[in-house]
């Protein structure tokens, strides 16, 4: 954004000030790049199927013991030893390849 502002200043301002404005915007732009590079360098990435463990999913087809669940807009193969019906909420407790291991989530209390 600052770089674009510098280009606009280069076009709109009269001769000596256009170069000064562009140089100032360029310095701030580089400073912002360095700030954000340093800020996000040590942030751990959370990707992969391991991030699904502990999340809740909705059962799409009954799991007795095999079925399907929807999690994050995706349909996953699932195994639930206790058995669940479509529409139930389950919790992901593990995975085996592309198959999620799920168990029935604790029932939520009704609002007062």
N, C-alpha and C. Protein backbone atom coordinates (compact mmCIF):
# COMPACT_ATOMS: atom_id res chain seq x y z
N UNK A 1 0.82 -1.18 0.00
CA UNK A 1 0.00 0.00 0.00
C UNK A 1 0.88 1.26 0.00
N UNK A 2 1.91 1.23 0.82
CA UNK A 2 2.80 2.39 0.86
C UNK A 2 3.54 2.57 -0.45
N UNK A 3 3.88 1.47 -1.09
CA UNK A 3 4.57 1.56 -2.38
C UNK A 3 3.67 2.22 -3.42
N UNK A 4 2.39 1.85 -3.42
CA UNK A 4 1.45 2.46 -4.36
C UNK A 4 1.26 3.94 -4.07
N UNK A 5 1.24 4.30 -2.77
CA UNK A 5 1.16 5.71 -2.41
C UNK A 5 2.38 6.47 -2.93
N UNK A 6 3.55 5.85 -2.85
CA UNK A 6 4.76 6.47 -3.37
C UNK A 6 4.69 6.71 -4.87
N UNK A 7 4.12 5.76 -5.59
CA UNK A 7 3.98 5.93 -7.04
C UNK A 7 3.01 7.07 -7.35
N UNK A 8 1.91 7.16 -6.58
CA UNK A 8 0.94 8.24 -6.78
C UNK A 8 1.60 9.59 -6.50
N UNK A 9 2.39 9.65 -5.42
CA UNK A 9 3.10 10.90 -5.11
C UNK A 9 4.09 11.26 -6.20
N UNK A 10 4.74 10.26 -6.78
CA UNK A 10 5.70 10.50 -7.86
C UNK A 10 5.01 11.13 -9.06
N UNK A 11 3.78 10.74 -9.30
CA UNK A 11 3.04 11.25 -10.45
C UNK A 11 2.44 12.63 -10.16
N UNK A 12 1.90 12.82 -8.96
CA UNK A 12 1.12 14.03 -8.68
C UNK A 12 1.94 15.23 -8.20
N UNK A 13 3.00 15.01 -7.44
CA UNK A 13 3.75 16.13 -6.87
C UNK A 13 4.68 16.76 -7.90
N UNK A 14 5.02 18.05 -7.70
CA UNK A 14 5.98 18.68 -8.60
C UNK A 14 7.36 18.07 -8.45
N UNK A 15 8.23 18.36 -9.37
CA UNK A 15 9.50 17.68 -9.59
C UNK A 15 10.33 17.33 -8.35
N UNK A 16 10.85 18.23 -7.56
CA UNK A 16 11.74 17.74 -6.49
C UNK A 16 10.98 17.01 -5.39
N UNK A 17 9.73 17.38 -5.15
CA UNK A 17 8.99 16.77 -4.05
C UNK A 17 8.48 15.38 -4.41
N UNK A 18 8.28 15.10 -5.66
CA UNK A 18 7.81 13.78 -6.05
C UNK A 18 8.85 12.71 -5.72
N UNK A 19 10.12 13.03 -5.95
CA UNK A 19 11.20 12.08 -5.64
C UNK A 19 11.33 11.90 -4.13
N UNK A 20 11.21 13.00 -3.38
CA UNK A 20 11.30 12.93 -1.92
C UNK A 20 10.14 12.10 -1.36
N UNK A 21 8.93 12.35 -1.83
CA UNK A 21 7.76 11.59 -1.38
C UNK A 21 7.88 10.12 -1.70
N UNK A 22 8.36 9.81 -2.90
CA UNK A 22 8.53 8.42 -3.29
C UNK A 22 9.59 7.75 -2.42
N UNK A 23 10.69 8.44 -2.15
CA UNK A 23 11.76 7.87 -1.32
C UNK A 23 11.28 7.60 0.10
N UNK A 24 10.50 8.51 0.67
CA UNK A 24 9.97 8.32 2.02
C UNK A 24 9.03 7.12 2.05
N UNK A 25 8.14 7.03 1.09
CA UNK A 25 7.22 5.89 1.03
C UNK A 25 7.97 4.58 0.83
N UNK A 26 9.03 4.60 0.03
CA UNK A 26 9.82 3.40 -0.20
C UNK A 26 10.51 2.94 1.08
N UNK A 27 11.04 3.89 1.85
CA UNK A 27 11.69 3.54 3.12
C UNK A 27 10.67 2.93 4.08
N UNK A 28 9.50 3.54 4.21
CA UNK A 28 8.47 2.99 5.08
C UNK A 28 7.99 1.63 4.59
N UNK A 29 7.91 1.44 3.28
CA UNK A 29 7.49 0.15 2.71
C UNK A 29 8.48 -0.94 3.07
N UNK A 30 9.75 -0.69 2.91
CA UNK A 30 10.78 -1.68 3.26
C UNK A 30 10.76 -1.94 4.75
N UNK A 31 10.58 -0.89 5.56
CA UNK A 31 10.49 -1.07 7.01
C UNK A 31 9.32 -1.94 7.41
N UNK A 32 8.18 -1.76 6.75
CA UNK A 32 7.00 -2.57 7.03
C UNK A 32 7.24 -4.03 6.63
N UNK A 33 7.88 -4.24 5.50
CA UNK A 33 8.21 -5.61 5.09
C UNK A 33 9.10 -6.30 6.11
N UNK A 34 10.12 -5.60 6.58
CA UNK A 34 11.02 -6.18 7.56
C UNK A 34 10.30 -6.45 8.89
N UNK A 35 9.42 -5.54 9.30
CA UNK A 35 8.66 -5.73 10.54
C UNK A 35 7.81 -7.00 10.46
N UNK A 36 7.02 -7.16 9.39
CA UNK A 36 6.14 -8.32 9.29
C UNK A 36 6.92 -9.61 9.08
N UNK A 37 8.04 -9.53 8.40
CA UNK A 37 8.86 -10.73 8.22
C UNK A 37 9.36 -11.24 9.56
N UNK A 38 9.81 -10.32 10.39
CA UNK A 38 10.30 -10.70 11.71
C UNK A 38 9.16 -11.16 12.62
N UNK A 39 8.03 -10.52 12.49
CA UNK A 39 6.88 -10.82 13.35
C UNK A 39 6.34 -12.24 13.11
N UNK A 40 6.27 -12.71 11.88
CA UNK A 40 5.66 -14.01 11.57
C UNK A 40 6.68 -15.12 11.42
N UNK A 41 7.95 -14.83 11.61
CA UNK A 41 8.98 -15.84 11.39
C UNK A 41 8.83 -17.04 12.32
N UNK A 42 8.53 -16.83 13.59
CA UNK A 42 8.49 -17.92 14.56
C UNK A 42 7.08 -18.41 14.88
N UNK A 43 6.11 -18.02 14.09
CA UNK A 43 4.74 -18.48 14.31
C UNK A 43 4.63 -19.91 13.77
N UNK A 44 4.23 -20.85 14.63
CA UNK A 44 4.13 -22.24 14.15
C UNK A 44 2.97 -22.40 13.16
N UNK A 45 3.19 -23.22 12.16
CA UNK A 45 2.16 -23.48 11.18
C UNK A 45 1.28 -24.62 11.66
N UNK A 46 0.00 -24.49 11.45
CA UNK A 46 -0.92 -25.56 11.82
C UNK A 46 -1.59 -26.08 10.57
N UNK A 47 -1.00 -27.11 9.99
CA UNK A 47 -1.54 -27.71 8.78
C UNK A 47 -1.51 -29.22 8.93
N UNK A 48 -2.24 -29.90 8.09
CA UNK A 48 -2.23 -31.35 8.08
C UNK A 48 -3.40 -31.93 8.84
N UNK A 49 -3.54 -33.22 8.73
CA UNK A 49 -4.67 -33.92 9.34
C UNK A 49 -4.57 -33.95 10.86
N UNK A 50 -3.38 -33.73 11.43
CA UNK A 50 -3.23 -33.75 12.88
C UNK A 50 -4.01 -32.62 13.53
N UNK A 51 -4.27 -31.54 12.80
CA UNK A 51 -5.00 -30.41 13.36
C UNK A 51 -6.48 -30.73 13.55
N UNK A 52 -6.96 -31.82 12.98
CA UNK A 52 -8.37 -32.19 13.10
C UNK A 52 -8.68 -32.83 14.45
N UNK A 53 -7.67 -33.38 15.11
CA UNK A 53 -7.89 -34.08 16.37
C UNK A 53 -8.36 -33.09 17.43
N UNK A 54 -9.45 -33.44 18.08
CA UNK A 54 -10.03 -32.58 19.11
C UNK A 54 -11.18 -31.73 18.60
N UNK A 55 -11.40 -31.68 17.31
CA UNK A 55 -12.49 -30.87 16.76
C UNK A 55 -13.78 -31.69 16.69
N UNK A 56 -14.88 -30.96 16.63
CA UNK A 56 -16.18 -31.61 16.53
C UNK A 56 -16.63 -31.69 15.08
N UNK A 57 -17.32 -32.76 14.75
CA UNK A 57 -17.81 -32.98 13.39
C UNK A 57 -19.27 -33.41 13.45
N UNK A 58 -19.95 -33.31 12.33
CA UNK A 58 -21.35 -33.73 12.23
C UNK A 58 -21.41 -35.00 11.40
N UNK A 59 -22.15 -35.98 11.90
CA UNK A 59 -22.27 -37.27 11.22
C UNK A 59 -23.17 -37.11 10.00
N UNK A 60 -22.67 -37.56 8.83
CA UNK A 60 -23.43 -37.49 7.59
C UNK A 60 -24.15 -38.80 7.32
N UNK A 61 -23.42 -39.91 7.42
CA UNK A 61 -24.05 -41.23 7.30
C UNK A 61 -23.69 -42.03 8.54
N UNK A 62 -24.63 -42.85 9.00
CA UNK A 62 -24.45 -43.51 10.30
C UNK A 62 -23.12 -44.26 10.40
N UNK A 63 -22.52 -44.15 11.55
CA UNK A 63 -21.25 -44.80 11.83
C UNK A 63 -21.52 -46.01 12.72
N UNK A 64 -21.55 -47.19 12.13
CA UNK A 64 -21.79 -48.42 12.90
C UNK A 64 -20.92 -49.52 12.32
N UNK A 65 -19.69 -49.65 12.49
CA UNK A 65 -18.74 -48.69 13.03
C UNK A 65 -18.19 -47.73 11.97
N UNK A 66 -18.42 -48.05 10.67
CA UNK A 66 -17.89 -47.16 9.62
C UNK A 66 -18.98 -46.23 9.12
N UNK A 67 -18.60 -45.01 8.76
CA UNK A 67 -19.53 -44.03 8.23
C UNK A 67 -18.79 -42.82 7.72
N UNK A 68 -19.51 -41.71 7.63
CA UNK A 68 -18.92 -40.47 7.15
C UNK A 68 -19.30 -39.31 8.06
N UNK A 69 -18.36 -38.37 8.21
CA UNK A 69 -18.62 -37.16 8.99
C UNK A 69 -18.23 -35.95 8.16
N UNK A 70 -18.85 -34.82 8.48
CA UNK A 70 -18.50 -33.55 7.83
C UNK A 70 -17.73 -32.70 8.83
N UNK A 71 -16.57 -32.26 8.40
CA UNK A 71 -15.72 -31.45 9.27
C UNK A 71 -15.07 -30.36 8.43
N UNK A 72 -15.37 -29.12 8.73
CA UNK A 72 -14.80 -27.99 7.99
C UNK A 72 -15.23 -27.97 6.54
N UNK A 73 -16.45 -28.40 6.26
CA UNK A 73 -16.95 -28.40 4.89
C UNK A 73 -16.48 -29.57 4.05
N UNK A 74 -15.76 -30.51 4.65
CA UNK A 74 -15.26 -31.68 3.93
C UNK A 74 -15.88 -32.95 4.51
N UNK A 75 -16.08 -33.94 3.66
CA UNK A 75 -16.61 -35.22 4.09
C UNK A 75 -15.44 -36.17 4.32
N UNK A 76 -15.38 -36.77 5.51
CA UNK A 76 -14.30 -37.69 5.87
C UNK A 76 -14.89 -39.05 6.20
N UNK A 77 -14.14 -40.11 5.87
CA UNK A 77 -14.50 -41.44 6.33
C UNK A 77 -14.23 -41.48 7.83
N UNK A 78 -15.12 -42.14 8.58
CA UNK A 78 -14.97 -42.15 10.02
C UNK A 78 -15.29 -43.53 10.58
N UNK A 79 -14.72 -43.80 11.76
CA UNK A 79 -14.99 -45.03 12.50
C UNK A 79 -15.40 -44.64 13.91
N UNK A 80 -16.59 -45.13 14.32
CA UNK A 80 -17.10 -44.88 15.66
C UNK A 80 -17.57 -46.20 16.23
N UNK A 81 -16.87 -46.71 17.22
CA UNK A 81 -17.20 -48.02 17.78
C UNK A 81 -18.54 -48.00 18.51
N UNK A 82 -18.91 -46.88 19.13
CA UNK A 82 -20.18 -46.81 19.88
C UNK A 82 -21.37 -46.70 18.95
N UNK A 83 -21.17 -46.22 17.74
CA UNK A 83 -22.26 -46.05 16.79
C UNK A 83 -22.96 -44.71 16.96
N UNK A 84 -23.20 -44.02 15.86
CA UNK A 84 -23.89 -42.73 15.87
C UNK A 84 -24.83 -42.66 14.67
N UNK A 85 -25.80 -41.78 14.78
CA UNK A 85 -26.78 -41.59 13.72
C UNK A 85 -26.50 -40.29 12.98
N UNK A 86 -27.04 -40.15 11.75
CA UNK A 86 -26.85 -38.89 11.00
C UNK A 86 -27.36 -37.70 11.80
N UNK A 87 -26.59 -36.61 11.76
CA UNK A 87 -26.95 -35.40 12.48
C UNK A 87 -26.31 -35.29 13.86
N UNK A 88 -25.82 -36.40 14.41
CA UNK A 88 -25.16 -36.36 15.71
C UNK A 88 -23.84 -35.62 15.61
N UNK A 89 -23.43 -35.08 16.74
CA UNK A 89 -22.13 -34.39 16.82
C UNK A 89 -21.15 -35.34 17.48
N UNK A 90 -19.99 -35.48 16.84
CA UNK A 90 -18.95 -36.36 17.36
C UNK A 90 -17.65 -35.58 17.51
N UNK A 91 -16.73 -36.13 18.27
CA UNK A 91 -15.42 -35.50 18.49
C UNK A 91 -14.36 -36.39 17.88
N UNK A 92 -13.42 -35.79 17.14
CA UNK A 92 -12.33 -36.54 16.53
C UNK A 92 -11.28 -36.83 17.60
N UNK A 93 -10.96 -38.12 17.78
CA UNK A 93 -9.98 -38.51 18.80
C UNK A 93 -8.71 -39.07 18.19
N UNK A 94 -8.71 -39.33 16.90
CA UNK A 94 -7.51 -39.84 16.24
C UNK A 94 -7.76 -40.02 14.76
N UNK A 95 -6.75 -40.55 14.09
CA UNK A 95 -6.91 -40.83 12.66
C UNK A 95 -6.04 -42.01 12.28
N UNK A 96 -6.48 -42.69 11.25
CA UNK A 96 -5.73 -43.81 10.69
C UNK A 96 -5.73 -43.62 9.19
N UNK A 97 -4.66 -43.04 8.67
CA UNK A 97 -4.63 -42.69 7.25
C UNK A 97 -5.61 -41.57 6.98
N UNK A 98 -6.58 -41.81 6.10
CA UNK A 98 -7.60 -40.82 5.80
C UNK A 98 -8.91 -41.11 6.53
N UNK A 99 -8.89 -42.02 7.48
CA UNK A 99 -10.07 -42.36 8.26
C UNK A 99 -9.95 -41.74 9.65
N UNK A 100 -10.96 -40.99 10.05
CA UNK A 100 -10.96 -40.35 11.36
C UNK A 100 -11.56 -41.29 12.39
N UNK A 101 -10.96 -41.35 13.57
CA UNK A 101 -11.50 -42.09 14.70
C UNK A 101 -12.32 -41.09 15.52
N UNK A 102 -13.61 -41.36 15.68
CA UNK A 102 -14.47 -40.42 16.37
C UNK A 102 -15.21 -41.11 17.51
N UNK A 103 -15.67 -40.30 18.45
CA UNK A 103 -16.54 -40.80 19.52
C UNK A 103 -17.62 -39.75 19.75
N UNK A 104 -18.72 -40.20 20.31
CA UNK A 104 -19.85 -39.30 20.53
C UNK A 104 -19.43 -38.17 21.46
N UNK A 105 -19.78 -36.95 21.07
CA UNK A 105 -19.45 -35.79 21.90
C UNK A 105 -20.40 -35.74 23.08
N UNK A 106 -19.96 -35.12 24.16
CA UNK A 106 -20.82 -34.98 25.35
C UNK A 106 -22.04 -34.14 24.96
N UNK A 107 -23.20 -34.55 25.39
CA UNK A 107 -24.41 -33.77 25.03
C UNK A 107 -24.34 -32.38 25.65
N UNK A 108 -24.74 -31.40 24.87
CA UNK A 108 -24.73 -30.02 25.35
C UNK A 108 -25.99 -29.79 26.19
N UNK A 109 -25.84 -29.01 27.24
CA UNK A 109 -27.00 -28.70 28.08
C UNK A 109 -27.87 -27.69 27.34
N UNK A 110 -29.17 -27.79 27.58
CA UNK A 110 -30.11 -26.88 26.93
C UNK A 110 -29.98 -25.49 27.54
N UNK A 111 -30.09 -24.43 26.71
CA UNK A 111 -30.02 -23.07 27.25
C UNK A 111 -31.19 -22.78 28.17
N UNK A 112 -30.94 -21.98 29.17
CA UNK A 112 -32.01 -21.63 30.12
C UNK A 112 -32.88 -20.53 29.62
